[in-house]
Amino acid sequence: MKLKGNGPWSLGDDIMLVHAPGHTEGTVCLLYKPLKILFTGDHLMMTESGLSIMEMYNKYSVHKQVDSVQKLIQFDFDWIIPGHGQRIEFKDAQEKNTVLEAFFQEKYNQHSSSYK
């Protein structure tokens, strides 16, 4: 199936695909709504030093990948299951939003010259 537009796309009542460009132009995360799990593939992961987008492996745009992390705040999930690294569990939406927004702000500040 070829996805058109910028999504998100619903696959029935249980699954939503979220366009999260950055790692690649067509990166998509899968949100399994019943269990509030976001499968991120290579888009986002947890490392020993914290949340990461693994910039050294970015194939498209670090700027867009950072923006895509912030975009995830609007979705309802308690877990991130990445393609690599350990899973991440948030105690509630507030913690998830705080962690993702702090990550976005940190990366935005690091790469502020590419946002101008």
N, C-alpha and C. Protein backbone atom coordinates (compact mmCIF):
# COMPACT_ATOMS: atom_id res chain seq x y z
N MET A 1 0.85 -1.17 0.00
CA MET A 1 0.00 0.00 0.00
C MET A 1 0.90 1.24 0.00
N LYS A 2 0.63 2.15 -0.89
CA LYS A 2 1.39 3.40 -0.95
C LYS A 2 0.60 4.47 -0.20
N LEU A 3 1.26 5.08 0.78
CA LEU A 3 0.63 6.13 1.57
C LEU A 3 0.75 7.45 0.84
N LYS A 4 -0.32 8.24 0.87
CA LYS A 4 -0.31 9.54 0.20
C LYS A 4 -0.58 10.62 1.23
N GLY A 5 0.05 11.77 1.04
CA GLY A 5 -0.13 12.88 1.95
C GLY A 5 0.83 12.79 3.13
N ASN A 6 0.49 13.50 4.20
CA ASN A 6 1.35 13.56 5.38
C ASN A 6 0.80 12.81 6.58
N GLY A 7 -0.35 12.14 6.39
CA GLY A 7 -0.92 11.36 7.48
C GLY A 7 -1.41 12.24 8.61
N PRO A 8 -1.72 11.65 9.73
CA PRO A 8 -1.63 10.22 10.01
C PRO A 8 -2.70 9.43 9.25
N TRP A 9 -2.44 8.14 9.13
CA TRP A 9 -3.34 7.24 8.43
C TRP A 9 -3.83 6.18 9.41
N SER A 10 -5.13 5.93 9.40
CA SER A 10 -5.71 4.89 10.26
C SER A 10 -5.84 3.60 9.48
N LEU A 11 -5.46 2.52 10.12
CA LEU A 11 -5.66 1.19 9.57
C LEU A 11 -6.65 0.50 10.50
N GLY A 12 -7.91 0.75 10.29
CA GLY A 12 -8.93 0.25 11.19
C GLY A 12 -8.97 1.11 12.45
N ASP A 13 -9.56 0.57 13.50
CA ASP A 13 -9.71 1.30 14.75
C ASP A 13 -8.47 1.20 15.65
N ASP A 14 -7.64 0.20 15.41
CA ASP A 14 -6.54 -0.12 16.34
C ASP A 14 -5.18 0.45 15.97
N ILE A 15 -4.95 0.71 14.70
CA ILE A 15 -3.60 1.07 14.25
C ILE A 15 -3.61 2.40 13.50
N MET A 16 -2.64 3.23 13.84
CA MET A 16 -2.44 4.49 13.15
C MET A 16 -0.98 4.56 12.71
N LEU A 17 -0.77 5.02 11.49
CA LEU A 17 0.57 5.27 10.99
C LEU A 17 0.83 6.77 11.04
N VAL A 18 1.99 7.13 11.59
CA VAL A 18 2.35 8.54 11.76
C VAL A 18 3.59 8.83 10.94
N HIS A 19 3.47 9.75 9.99
CA HIS A 19 4.62 10.14 9.18
C HIS A 19 5.59 10.91 10.08
N ALA A 20 6.82 10.42 10.17
CA ALA A 20 7.83 11.02 11.03
C ALA A 20 9.13 11.16 10.24
N PRO A 21 9.14 12.04 9.23
CA PRO A 21 10.33 12.17 8.40
C PRO A 21 11.53 12.66 9.20
N GLY A 22 12.68 12.29 8.71
CA GLY A 22 13.92 12.73 9.34
C GLY A 22 14.99 11.69 9.15
N HIS A 23 14.83 10.54 9.82
CA HIS A 23 15.81 9.47 9.63
C HIS A 23 15.88 9.14 8.13
N THR A 24 14.71 8.98 7.53
CA THR A 24 14.56 8.92 6.08
C THR A 24 13.37 9.81 5.73
N GLU A 25 13.21 10.11 4.47
CA GLU A 25 12.10 10.97 4.05
C GLU A 25 10.75 10.31 4.34
N GLY A 26 10.70 9.00 4.25
CA GLY A 26 9.43 8.28 4.40
C GLY A 26 9.25 7.56 5.72
N THR A 27 10.03 7.89 6.74
CA THR A 27 9.90 7.20 8.03
C THR A 27 8.47 7.31 8.55
N VAL A 28 7.96 6.16 9.02
CA VAL A 28 6.62 6.08 9.57
C VAL A 28 6.70 5.34 10.90
N CYS A 29 6.01 5.86 11.92
CA CYS A 29 5.86 5.17 13.20
C CYS A 29 4.49 4.52 13.22
N LEU A 30 4.38 3.41 13.92
CA LEU A 30 3.12 2.70 14.02
C LEU A 30 2.61 2.81 15.45
N LEU A 31 1.41 3.33 15.61
CA LEU A 31 0.79 3.48 16.92
C LEU A 31 -0.28 2.40 17.06
N TYR A 32 -0.07 1.51 18.03
CA TYR A 32 -1.07 0.48 18.35
C TYR A 32 -1.89 1.02 19.51
N LYS A 33 -3.06 1.55 19.17
CA LYS A 33 -3.87 2.31 20.12
C LYS A 33 -4.35 1.52 21.35
N PRO A 34 -4.79 0.26 21.20
CA PRO A 34 -5.32 -0.43 22.38
C PRO A 34 -4.32 -0.54 23.54
N LEU A 35 -3.05 -0.71 23.23
CA LEU A 35 -2.02 -0.84 24.28
C LEU A 35 -1.17 0.42 24.42
N LYS A 36 -1.51 1.46 23.66
CA LYS A 36 -0.79 2.74 23.69
C LYS A 36 0.72 2.55 23.48
N ILE A 37 1.04 1.81 22.42
CA ILE A 37 2.43 1.51 22.07
C ILE A 37 2.77 2.19 20.75
N LEU A 38 3.88 2.92 20.73
CA LEU A 38 4.38 3.53 19.51
C LEU A 38 5.64 2.79 19.08
N PHE A 39 5.58 2.14 17.93
CA PHE A 39 6.74 1.48 17.34
C PHE A 39 7.43 2.51 16.45
N THR A 40 8.67 2.84 16.79
CA THR A 40 9.35 3.95 16.11
C THR A 40 10.39 3.52 15.07
N GLY A 41 10.72 2.25 15.00
CA GLY A 41 11.78 1.86 14.08
C GLY A 41 13.05 2.61 14.43
N ASP A 42 13.69 3.21 13.43
CA ASP A 42 14.94 3.95 13.65
C ASP A 42 14.73 5.42 13.95
N HIS A 43 13.49 5.85 14.10
CA HIS A 43 13.20 7.27 14.31
C HIS A 43 13.66 7.77 15.68
N LEU A 44 13.50 6.97 16.72
CA LEU A 44 13.75 7.41 18.08
C LEU A 44 14.12 6.21 18.91
N MET A 45 15.07 6.39 19.84
CA MET A 45 15.46 5.28 20.70
C MET A 45 16.04 5.80 22.01
N MET A 46 16.22 4.88 22.96
CA MET A 46 16.84 5.21 24.24
C MET A 46 18.24 4.62 24.24
N THR A 47 19.21 5.44 24.60
CA THR A 47 20.58 4.97 24.75
C THR A 47 20.97 5.14 26.21
N GLU A 48 22.19 4.77 26.55
CA GLU A 48 22.66 4.94 27.93
C GLU A 48 22.63 6.40 28.37
N SER A 49 22.79 7.31 27.40
CA SER A 49 22.80 8.74 27.75
C SER A 49 21.43 9.39 27.61
N GLY A 50 20.40 8.64 27.24
CA GLY A 50 19.05 9.18 27.15
C GLY A 50 18.43 9.01 25.78
N LEU A 51 17.34 9.72 25.56
CA LEU A 51 16.61 9.68 24.30
C LEU A 51 17.54 10.10 23.17
N SER A 52 17.43 9.46 22.02
CA SER A 52 18.35 9.74 20.91
C SER A 52 17.66 9.55 19.57
N ILE A 53 18.10 10.32 18.59
CA ILE A 53 17.70 10.10 17.21
C ILE A 53 18.87 9.55 16.39
N MET A 54 19.96 9.22 17.06
CA MET A 54 21.14 8.65 16.41
C MET A 54 21.51 9.43 15.14
N GLU A 55 21.85 10.69 15.35
CA GLU A 55 22.14 11.60 14.24
C GLU A 55 23.16 11.07 13.24
N MET A 56 24.13 10.32 13.72
CA MET A 56 25.18 9.84 12.82
C MET A 56 24.63 8.88 11.75
N TYR A 57 23.45 8.32 11.99
CA TYR A 57 22.84 7.41 11.02
C TYR A 57 21.70 8.06 10.24
N ASN A 58 21.53 9.35 10.41
CA ASN A 58 20.46 10.06 9.73
C ASN A 58 20.70 10.04 8.22
N LYS A 59 19.69 9.67 7.48
CA LYS A 59 19.82 9.55 6.02
C LYS A 59 19.10 10.66 5.26
N TYR A 60 18.41 11.56 6.00
CA TYR A 60 17.61 12.57 5.31
C TYR A 60 17.80 13.97 5.90
N SER A 61 17.29 14.22 7.13
CA SER A 61 17.37 15.56 7.70
C SER A 61 17.24 15.51 9.22
N VAL A 62 18.30 15.90 9.92
CA VAL A 62 18.26 15.97 11.38
C VAL A 62 17.19 16.97 11.80
N HIS A 63 17.13 18.11 11.14
CA HIS A 63 16.14 19.14 11.45
C HIS A 63 14.72 18.56 11.39
N LYS A 64 14.39 17.85 10.32
CA LYS A 64 13.04 17.26 10.18
C LYS A 64 12.83 16.16 11.22
N GLN A 65 13.87 15.41 11.54
CA GLN A 65 13.73 14.36 12.54
C GLN A 65 13.42 14.94 13.91
N VAL A 66 14.09 16.01 14.26
CA VAL A 66 13.84 16.69 15.54
C VAL A 66 12.39 17.21 15.56
N ASP A 67 11.96 17.83 14.48
CA ASP A 67 10.57 18.31 14.39
C ASP A 67 9.58 17.15 14.51
N SER A 68 9.92 16.01 13.93
CA SER A 68 9.03 14.85 13.99
C SER A 68 8.91 14.30 15.40
N VAL A 69 9.97 14.43 16.19
CA VAL A 69 9.89 14.00 17.60
C VAL A 69 8.87 14.88 18.32
N GLN A 70 8.92 16.19 18.09
CA GLN A 70 7.96 17.08 18.74
C GLN A 70 6.53 16.77 18.28
N LYS A 71 6.37 16.42 17.04
CA LYS A 71 5.05 16.09 16.48
C LYS A 71 4.40 14.92 17.24
N LEU A 72 5.21 14.01 17.77
CA LEU A 72 4.67 12.83 18.46
C LEU A 72 3.93 13.18 19.75
N ILE A 73 4.16 14.37 20.29
CA ILE A 73 3.52 14.77 21.54
C ILE A 73 2.00 14.69 21.43
N GLN A 74 1.46 14.97 20.26
CA GLN A 74 0.01 15.01 20.09
C GLN A 74 -0.66 13.63 20.14
N PHE A 75 0.12 12.57 20.11
CA PHE A 75 -0.46 11.22 20.07
C PHE A 75 -0.46 10.59 21.46
N ASP A 76 -1.43 9.71 21.68
CA ASP A 76 -1.64 9.09 22.98
C ASP A 76 -0.93 7.73 23.04
N PHE A 77 0.23 7.71 23.70
CA PHE A 77 0.95 6.45 23.90
C PHE A 77 1.71 6.51 25.21
N ASP A 78 1.93 5.32 25.78
CA ASP A 78 2.67 5.18 27.04
C ASP A 78 4.00 4.46 26.85
N TRP A 79 4.16 3.85 25.71
CA TRP A 79 5.37 3.07 25.43
C TRP A 79 5.96 3.50 24.10
N ILE A 80 7.29 3.49 24.02
CA ILE A 80 8.00 3.58 22.76
C ILE A 80 8.78 2.27 22.61
N ILE A 81 8.54 1.60 21.49
CA ILE A 81 9.30 0.39 21.17
C ILE A 81 10.14 0.74 19.93
N PRO A 82 11.44 0.96 20.12
CA PRO A 82 12.30 1.36 19.00
C PRO A 82 12.80 0.14 18.21
N GLY A 83 13.36 0.42 17.06
CA GLY A 83 13.97 -0.63 16.26
C GLY A 83 15.27 -1.13 16.89
N HIS A 84 15.89 -0.30 17.70
CA HIS A 84 17.14 -0.65 18.38
C HIS A 84 17.06 -0.10 19.80
N GLY A 85 17.77 -0.72 20.71
CA GLY A 85 17.82 -0.22 22.07
C GLY A 85 16.65 -0.70 22.91
N GLN A 86 16.56 -0.14 24.10
CA GLN A 86 15.53 -0.60 25.04
C GLN A 86 14.22 0.15 24.86
N ARG A 87 13.15 -0.48 25.29
CA ARG A 87 11.84 0.16 25.24
C ARG A 87 11.76 1.25 26.31
N ILE A 88 10.85 2.16 26.10
CA ILE A 88 10.66 3.28 27.01
C ILE A 88 9.22 3.25 27.49
N GLU A 89 9.02 3.31 28.81
CA GLU A 89 7.67 3.38 29.36
C GLU A 89 7.50 4.71 30.10
N PHE A 90 6.42 5.40 29.79
CA PHE A 90 6.08 6.65 30.48
C PHE A 90 4.95 6.36 31.46
N LYS A 91 4.98 7.01 32.62
CA LYS A 91 3.94 6.75 33.62
C LYS A 91 2.61 7.36 33.22
N ASP A 92 2.65 8.44 32.42
CA ASP A 92 1.42 9.08 31.96
C ASP A 92 1.74 10.03 30.80
N ALA A 93 0.70 10.66 30.26
CA ALA A 93 0.86 11.56 29.12
C ALA A 93 1.72 12.77 29.48
N GLN A 94 1.59 13.25 30.69
CA GLN A 94 2.38 14.42 31.10
C GLN A 94 3.88 14.10 31.07
N GLU A 95 4.27 12.94 31.57
CA GLU A 95 5.69 12.57 31.54
C GLU A 95 6.16 12.41 30.11
N LYS A 96 5.37 11.74 29.27
CA LYS A 96 5.74 11.57 27.86
C LYS A 96 5.93 12.93 27.20
N ASN A 97 4.97 13.83 27.39
CA ASN A 97 5.06 15.15 26.77
C ASN A 97 6.25 15.94 27.27
N THR A 98 6.52 15.87 28.56
CA THR A 98 7.66 16.57 29.15
C THR A 98 8.98 16.06 28.59
N VAL A 99 9.12 14.74 28.51
CA VAL A 99 10.36 14.14 28.00
C VAL A 99 10.57 14.49 26.53
N LEU A 100 9.53 14.35 25.72
CA LEU A 100 9.66 14.64 24.29
C LEU A 100 9.91 16.13 24.04
N GLU A 101 9.23 17.00 24.77
CA GLU A 101 9.43 18.44 24.59
C GLU A 101 10.84 18.85 25.03
N ALA A 102 11.33 18.30 26.14
CA ALA A 102 12.69 18.61 26.60
C ALA A 102 13.71 18.14 25.57
N PHE A 103 13.51 16.96 25.01
CA PHE A 103 14.40 16.45 23.97
C PHE A 103 14.38 17.38 22.76
N PHE A 104 13.17 17.77 22.33
CA PHE A 104 13.05 18.69 21.19
C PHE A 104 13.81 19.99 21.46
N GLN A 105 13.59 20.59 22.64
CA GLN A 105 14.24 21.85 22.96
C GLN A 105 15.76 21.72 22.97
N GLU A 106 16.27 20.62 23.53
CA GLU A 106 17.71 20.40 23.56
C GLU A 106 18.28 20.32 22.15
N LYS A 107 17.64 19.54 21.30
CA LYS A 107 18.12 19.38 19.92
C LYS A 107 17.93 20.66 19.11
N TYR A 108 16.81 21.33 19.33
CA TYR A 108 16.56 22.60 18.64
C TYR A 108 17.68 23.59 18.97
N ASN A 109 18.05 23.67 20.24
CA ASN A 109 19.12 24.58 20.65
C ASN A 109 20.46 24.17 20.05
N GLN A 110 20.73 22.87 19.97
CA GLN A 110 21.99 22.38 19.38
C GLN A 110 22.08 22.69 17.90
N HIS A 111 20.93 22.65 17.23
CA HIS A 111 20.90 22.81 15.77
C HIS A 111 20.19 24.09 15.35
N SER A 112 20.19 25.08 16.22
CA SER A 112 19.41 26.29 15.97
C SER A 112 19.80 26.99 14.66
N SER A 113 21.02 26.87 14.23
CA SER A 113 21.43 27.53 12.99
C SER A 113 20.69 26.94 11.78
N SER A 114 20.29 25.68 11.84
CA SER A 114 19.57 25.08 10.70
C SER A 114 18.08 25.41 10.74
N TYR A 115 17.60 26.03 11.82
CA TYR A 115 16.20 26.42 11.92
C TYR A 115 15.97 27.85 11.47
N LYS A 116 17.01 28.53 11.11
CA LYS A 116 16.87 29.94 10.70
C LYS A 116 16.85 30.08 9.21
